[in-house]
C-alpha atoms as a PDB file:
ATOM      1  CA  MET A   1      86.568  75.032 109.831  1.00  0.00           C
ATOM      2  CA  LEU A   2      88.914  77.998 110.405  1.00  0.00           C
ATOM      3  CA  ILE A   3      89.677  79.147 113.943  1.00  0.00           C
ATOM      4  CA  LEU A   4      91.171  82.565 114.652  1.00  0.00           C
ATOM      5  CA  ALA A   5      93.357  82.305 117.760  1.00  0.00           C
ATOM      6  CA  SER A   6      92.888  85.959 118.713  1.00  0.00           C
ATOM      7  CA  ALA A   7      90.468  88.110 120.680  1.00  0.00           C
ATOM      8  CA  SER A   8      91.413  91.209 118.655  1.00  0.00           C
ATOM      9  CA  PRO A   9      88.346  92.859 117.118  1.00  0.00           C
ATOM     10  CA  ARG A  10      90.623  94.364 114.451  1.00  0.00           C
ATOM     11  CA  ARG A  11      91.868  90.931 113.384  1.00  0.00           C
ATOM     12  CA  GLN A  12      88.322  89.601 113.338  1.00  0.00           C
ATOM     13  CA  GLU A  13      87.211  92.495 111.121  1.00  0.00           C
ATOM     14  CA  LEU A  14      90.154  92.050 108.746  1.00  0.00           C
ATOM     15  CA  LEU A  15      89.780  88.268 108.534  1.00  0.00           C
ATOM     16  CA  GLY A  16      86.153  88.953 107.594  1.00  0.00           C
ATOM     17  CA  MET A  17      87.499  90.535 104.400  1.00  0.00           C
ATOM     18  CA  ILE A  18      88.848  87.093 103.420  1.00  0.00           C
ATOM     19  CA  THR A  19      86.172  84.800 104.826  1.00  0.00           C
ATOM     20  CA  ARG A  20      83.163  84.990 107.111  1.00  0.00           C
ATOM     21  CA  ASP A  21      83.454  81.280 107.911  1.00  0.00           C
ATOM     22  CA  PHE A  22      85.559  81.305 111.085  1.00  0.00           C
ATOM     23  CA  THR A  23      85.235  80.986 114.835  1.00  0.00           C
ATOM     24  CA  ILE A  24      87.323  82.475 117.611  1.00  0.00           C
ATOM     25  CA  LYS A  25      89.248  80.628 120.309  1.00  0.00           C
ATOM     26  CA  VAL A  26      91.775  82.648 122.255  1.00  0.00           C
ATOM     27  CA  SER A  27      95.036  80.954 123.195  1.00  0.00           C
ATOM     28  CA  GLN A  28      96.277  81.005 126.760  1.00  0.00           C
ATOM     29  CA  VAL A  29      99.943  81.380 125.795  1.00  0.00           C
ATOM     30  CA  ASP A  30     102.194  83.172 128.289  1.00  0.00           C
ATOM     31  CA  GLU A  31     103.689  85.737 125.911  1.00  0.00           C
ATOM     32  CA  SER A  32     106.322  86.797 128.451  1.00  0.00           C
ATOM     33  CA  ALA A  33     107.910  83.319 128.264  1.00  0.00           C
ATOM     34  CA  ILE A  34     108.605  83.581 124.516  1.00  0.00           C
ATOM     35  CA  THR A  35     111.918  84.990 123.327  1.00  0.00           C
ATOM     36  CA  ALA A  36     113.554  85.446 119.943  1.00  0.00           C
ATOM     37  CA  PRO A  37     116.776  86.952 118.556  1.00  0.00           C
ATOM     38  CA  ASN A  38     115.061  90.028 117.060  1.00  0.00           C
ATOM     39  CA  PRO A  39     111.648  91.755 116.979  1.00  0.00           C
ATOM     40  CA  ALA A  40     110.527  90.232 113.643  1.00  0.00           C
ATOM     41  CA  ALA A  41     111.391  86.747 114.890  1.00  0.00           C
ATOM     42  CA  LEU A  42     109.555  87.508 118.142  1.00  0.00           C
ATOM     43  CA  ALA A  43     106.360  88.442 116.266  1.00  0.00           C
ATOM     44  CA  GLN A  44     106.634  85.220 114.272  1.00  0.00           C
ATOM     45  CA  ALA A  45     107.299  83.107 117.375  1.00  0.00           C
ATOM     46  CA  LEU A  46     104.365  84.658 119.247  1.00  0.00           C
ATOM     47  CA  GLY A  47     101.982  84.100 116.327  1.00  0.00           C
ATOM     48  CA  ARG A  48     103.194  80.529 115.970  1.00  0.00           C
ATOM     49  CA  GLU A  49     102.843  79.672 119.659  1.00  0.00           C
ATOM     50  CA  LYS A  50      99.326  81.119 119.832  1.00  0.00           C
ATOM     51  CA  CYS A  51      98.369  79.152 116.723  1.00  0.00           C
ATOM     52  CA  LEU A  52      99.847  75.869 117.946  1.00  0.00           C
ATOM     53  CA  ALA A  53      98.275  76.173 121.408  1.00  0.00           C
ATOM     54  CA  VAL A  54      94.804  76.377 119.852  1.00  0.00           C
ATOM     55  CA  SER A  55      95.605  73.823 117.130  1.00  0.00           C
ATOM     56  CA  TRP A  56      96.574  71.143 119.664  1.00  0.00           C
ATOM     57  CA  GLU A  57      93.207  71.622 121.394  1.00  0.00           C
ATOM     58  CA  ASN A  58      91.242  71.429 118.105  1.00  0.00           C
ATOM     59  CA  PRO A  59      92.327  68.447 115.978  1.00  0.00           C
ATOM     60  CA  GLY A  60      91.218  68.641 112.364  1.00  0.00           C
ATOM     61  CA  ALA A  61      90.649  72.404 112.482  1.00  0.00           C
ATOM     62  CA  LEU A  62      92.664  74.946 110.539  1.00  0.00           C
ATOM     63  CA  VAL A  63      93.971  77.540 113.018  1.00  0.00           C
ATOM     64  CA  LEU A  64      95.265  81.044 112.325  1.00  0.00           C
ATOM     65  CA  GLY A  65      97.455  82.684 114.959  1.00  0.00           C
ATOM     66  CA  CYS A  66      98.947  86.172 114.761  1.00  0.00           C
ATOM     67  CA  ASP A  67     100.900  88.626 116.834  1.00  0.00           C
ATOM     68  CA  THR A  68     102.058  92.163 116.099  1.00  0.00           C
ATOM     69  CA  VAL A  69     104.994  94.053 117.593  1.00  0.00           C
ATOM     70  CA  VAL A  70     106.335  97.509 116.922  1.00  0.00           C
ATOM     71  CA  GLU A  71     110.101  97.854 116.614  1.00  0.00           C
ATOM     72  CA  PHE A  72     111.960 101.098 117.202  1.00  0.00           C
ATOM     73  CA  GLN A  73     115.748 101.117 117.078  1.00  0.00           C
ATOM     74  CA  GLY A  74     115.858  97.386 117.804  1.00  0.00           C
ATOM     75  CA  GLN A  75     113.511  97.622 120.810  1.00  0.00           C
ATOM     76  CA  VAL A  76     110.146  95.870 120.983  1.00  0.00           C
ATOM     77  CA  PHE A  77     107.167  98.070 121.784  1.00  0.00           C
ATOM     78  CA  GLY A  78     104.293  95.792 122.725  1.00  0.00           C
ATOM     79  CA  LYS A  79     101.049  96.860 124.369  1.00  0.00           C
ATOM     80  CA  PRO A  80     101.715  99.599 126.924  1.00  0.00           C
ATOM     81  CA  ARG A  81     101.423  98.600 130.580  1.00  0.00           C
ATOM     82  CA  ASP A  82      99.993 101.971 131.597  1.00  0.00           C
ATOM     83  CA  LYS A  83      99.804 105.666 130.663  1.00  0.00           C
ATOM     84  CA  GLU A  84     103.483 106.306 131.362  1.00  0.00           C
ATOM     85  CA  ASP A  85     104.531 103.368 129.203  1.00  0.00           C
ATOM     86  CA  ALA A  86     102.302 104.593 126.357  1.00  0.00           C
ATOM     87  CA  ARG A  87     103.776 108.094 126.730  1.00  0.00           C
ATOM     88  CA  ARG A  88     107.304 106.644 126.587  1.00  0.00           C
ATOM     89  CA  MET A  89     106.568 104.693 123.414  1.00  0.00           C
ATOM     90  CA  LEU A  90     104.776 107.483 121.572  1.00  0.00           C
ATOM     91  CA  THR A  91     107.397 110.057 122.566  1.00  0.00           C
ATOM     92  CA  ALA A  92     110.086 107.770 121.125  1.00  0.00           C
ATOM     93  CA  LEU A  93     108.102 107.248 117.884  1.00  0.00           C
ATOM     94  CA  SER A  94     107.375 110.974 117.485  1.00  0.00           C
ATOM     95  CA  GLY A  95     109.060 112.336 114.342  1.00  0.00           C
ATOM     96  CA  GLN A  96     110.709 108.969 113.666  1.00  0.00           C
ATOM     97  CA  THR A  97     110.465 105.887 111.466  1.00  0.00           C
ATOM     98  CA  HIS A  98     109.609 102.522 113.022  1.00  0.00           C
ATOM     99  CA  LEU A  99     108.778  98.991 111.910  1.00  0.00           C
ATOM    100  CA  VAL A 100     105.647  96.945 112.510  1.00  0.00           C
ATOM    101  CA  HIS A 101     106.011  93.161 112.351  1.00  0.00           C
ATOM    102  CA  THR A 102     103.103  90.722 112.315  1.00  0.00           C
ATOM    103  CA  GLY A 103     103.807  87.037 112.717  1.00  0.00           C
ATOM    104  CA  VAL A 104     101.231  84.822 111.007  1.00  0.00           C
ATOM    105  CA  CYS A 105     100.888  81.064 111.448  1.00  0.00           C
ATOM    106  CA  LEU A 106      98.487  78.487 110.040  1.00  0.00           C
ATOM    107  CA  ALA A 107      98.342  74.968 111.450  1.00  0.00           C
ATOM    108  CA  ARG A 108      96.260  71.838 111.111  1.00  0.00           C
ATOM    109  CA  ASP A 109      97.116  68.436 112.580  1.00  0.00           C
ATOM    110  CA  GLY A 110     100.856  69.104 112.779  1.00  0.00           C
ATOM    111  CA  ARG A 111     101.176  70.836 109.409  1.00  0.00           C
ATOM    112  CA  ILE A 112     102.475  74.389 109.958  1.00  0.00           C
ATOM    113  CA  LEU A 113     102.981  77.401 107.718  1.00  0.00           C
ATOM    114  CA  SER A 114     104.515  80.471 109.365  1.00  0.00           C
ATOM    115  CA  ARG A 115     105.504  83.885 107.983  1.00  0.00           C
ATOM    116  CA  VAL A 116     106.199  87.432 109.135  1.00  0.00           C
ATOM    117  CA  GLU A 117     105.120  90.647 107.401  1.00  0.00           C
ATOM    118  CA  THR A 118     106.929  93.937 108.028  1.00  0.00           C
ATOM    119  CA  SER A 119     105.781  97.490 107.316  1.00  0.00           C
ATOM    120  CA  GLN A 120     107.738 100.698 107.828  1.00  0.00           C
ATOM    121  CA  VAL A 121     105.885 103.679 109.314  1.00  0.00           C
ATOM    122  CA  ASP A 122     106.933 107.341 109.439  1.00  0.00           C
ATOM    123  CA  PHE A 123     105.442 109.559 112.146  1.00  0.00           C
ATOM    124  CA  LEU A 124     105.397 113.326 112.171  1.00  0.00           C
ATOM    125  CA  PRO A 125     106.391 114.973 115.451  1.00  0.00           C
ATOM    126  CA  ILE A 126     103.540 114.479 117.929  1.00  0.00           C
ATOM    127  CA  GLU A 127     102.611 117.719 119.675  1.00  0.00           C
ATOM    128  CA  GLY A 128     102.448 117.575 123.478  1.00  0.00           C
ATOM    129  CA  GLU A 129      98.792 118.580 123.790  1.00  0.00           C
ATOM    130  CA  ASP A 130      97.759 116.059 121.157  1.00  0.00           C
ATOM    131  CA  LEU A 131      99.753 113.308 122.869  1.00  0.00           C
ATOM    132  CA  GLU A 132      98.251 114.045 126.275  1.00  0.00           C
ATOM    133  CA  ALA A 133      94.710 114.130 124.869  1.00  0.00           C
ATOM    134  CA  TYR A 134      95.359 110.800 123.122  1.00  0.00           C
ATOM    135  CA  LEU A 135      96.678 109.214 126.306  1.00  0.00           C
ATOM    136  CA  ASP A 136      93.389 110.147 128.011  1.00  0.00           C
ATOM    137  CA  THR A 137      91.450 107.963 125.535  1.00  0.00           C
ATOM    138  CA  PRO A 138      91.245 104.145 125.678  1.00  0.00           C
ATOM    139  CA  GLU A 139      92.783 103.825 122.193  1.00  0.00           C
ATOM    140  CA  PRO A 140      96.512 103.373 122.994  1.00  0.00           C
ATOM    141  CA  TYR A 141      96.264 100.688 125.632  1.00  0.00           C
ATOM    142  CA  ASP A 142      95.513  97.452 123.792  1.00  0.00           C
ATOM    143  CA  LYS A 143      97.708  98.018 120.758  1.00  0.00           C
ATOM    144  CA  ALA A 144     101.371  97.366 120.023  1.00  0.00           C
ATOM    145  CA  GLY A 145     103.342 100.593 120.137  1.00  0.00           C
ATOM    146  CA  GLY A 146     100.505 102.348 121.945  1.00  0.00           C
ATOM    147  CA  TYR A 147      98.646 103.503 118.852  1.00  0.00           C
ATOM    148  CA  ALA A 148      95.911 102.581 116.382  1.00  0.00           C
ATOM    149  CA  ILE A 149      96.839 103.507 112.813  1.00  0.00           C
ATOM    150  CA  GLN A 150      93.136 103.341 111.930  1.00  0.00           C
ATOM    151  CA  GLY A 151      92.330 105.793 114.738  1.00  0.00           C
ATOM    152  CA  HIS A 152      93.719 109.125 115.867  1.00  0.00           C
ATOM    153  CA  ALA A 153      97.318 108.095 115.109  1.00  0.00           C
ATOM    154  CA  ALA A 154      96.476 108.370 111.395  1.00  0.00           C
ATOM    155  CA  LEU A 155      97.020 112.116 111.920  1.00  0.00           C
ATOM    156  CA  TRP A 156     100.677 111.442 112.779  1.00  0.00           C
ATOM    157  CA  CYS A 157     101.403 108.938 110.010  1.00  0.00           C
ATOM    158  CA  SER A 158     103.140 110.668 107.099  1.00  0.00           C
ATOM    159  CA  ALA A 159     104.182 107.544 105.164  1.00  0.00           C
ATOM    160  CA  ILE A 160     103.860 103.760 105.071  1.00  0.00           C
ATOM    161  CA  ARG A 161     106.092 101.358 103.186  1.00  0.00           C
ATOM    162  CA  GLY A 162     104.431  97.980 103.229  1.00  0.00           C
ATOM    163  CA  THR A 163     100.845  97.031 103.955  1.00  0.00           C
ATOM    164  CA  TYR A 164      98.447  99.158 105.948  1.00  0.00           C
ATOM    165  CA  PHE A 165      96.484  96.152 107.200  1.00  0.00           C
ATOM    166  CA  ASN A 166      99.680  94.697 108.659  1.00  0.00           C
ATOM    167  CA  ILE A 167      99.902  97.753 110.918  1.00  0.00           C
ATOM    168  CA  MET A 168      96.328  97.054 112.050  1.00  0.00           C
ATOM    169  CA  GLY A 169      97.380  93.510 113.006  1.00  0.00           C
ATOM    170  CA  LEU A 170      96.481  91.211 110.097  1.00  0.00           C
ATOM    171  CA  PRO A 171      98.295  91.411 106.741  1.00  0.00           C
ATOM    172  CA  VAL A 172      95.229  90.572 104.641  1.00  0.00           C
ATOM    173  CA  CYS A 173      97.050  89.823 101.379  1.00  0.00           C
ATOM    174  CA  LEU A 174      99.609  87.546 103.049  1.00  0.00           C
ATOM    175  CA  VAL A 175      96.950  85.677 105.044  1.00  0.00           C
ATOM    176  CA  GLY A 176      94.811  85.225 101.922  1.00  0.00           C
ATOM    177  CA  GLN A 177      97.774  83.796 100.025  1.00  0.00           C
ATOM    178  CA  MET A 178      98.763  81.555 102.934  1.00  0.00           C
ATOM    179  CA  LEU A 179      95.216  80.177 103.241  1.00  0.00           C
ATOM    180  CA  LYS A 180      95.104  79.478  99.498  1.00  0.00           C
ATOM    181  CA  HIS A 181      98.527  77.788  99.565  1.00  0.00           C
ATOM    182  CA  PHE A 182      97.651  75.758 102.668  1.00  0.00           C
ATOM    183  CA  GLU A 183      94.412  74.460 101.135  1.00  0.00           C
ATOM    184  CA  GLU A 184      95.989  73.753  97.716  1.00  0.00           C
ATOM    185  CA  GLU A 185      98.746  71.658  99.294  1.00  0.00           C
ATOM    186  CA  ALA A 186      96.191  69.811 101.409  1.00  0.00           C
ATOM    187  CA  ALA A 187      94.395  68.725  98.221  1.00  0.00           C
ATOM    188  CA  PHE A 188      97.395  66.601  97.140  1.00  0.00           C
END
């Protein structure tokens, strides 16, 4: 049995591209208590802690935990607290290049496999009217960096280096390879 340790509908949809045989159990990890030396390491640590919290509660189950952070000039842009925070993030990203890191962890009965995937995203300048209209929608508020690449923010994205699905929150290719590797090693 595979458990996805995430309430994200985007992750659920993307995991469904790999397998339909999974359940969802959300971890109760206090994300604010987790620190790391850089944004990529933070994404990995957050994904790992979410995974392990659910794994410890579900012996014998294979658990997948993930977390995504946006990095701009060394700063972490998580989910915006409010409209002003979303405006701050999107104004900073406007006309700039940023990184999106997703930490991925698989665990079962103490066996752990953890990785981080990074994609580079270029945004065009975001016009003021467009930004304000976007901030009046629900889209920016439950996503790292304050935007959904699969939503309206696609209009600002001029280039991606890396995987698109990573920016959505689940690097499908990496997760597929990790699941295959995890199961192959378990067979020995």
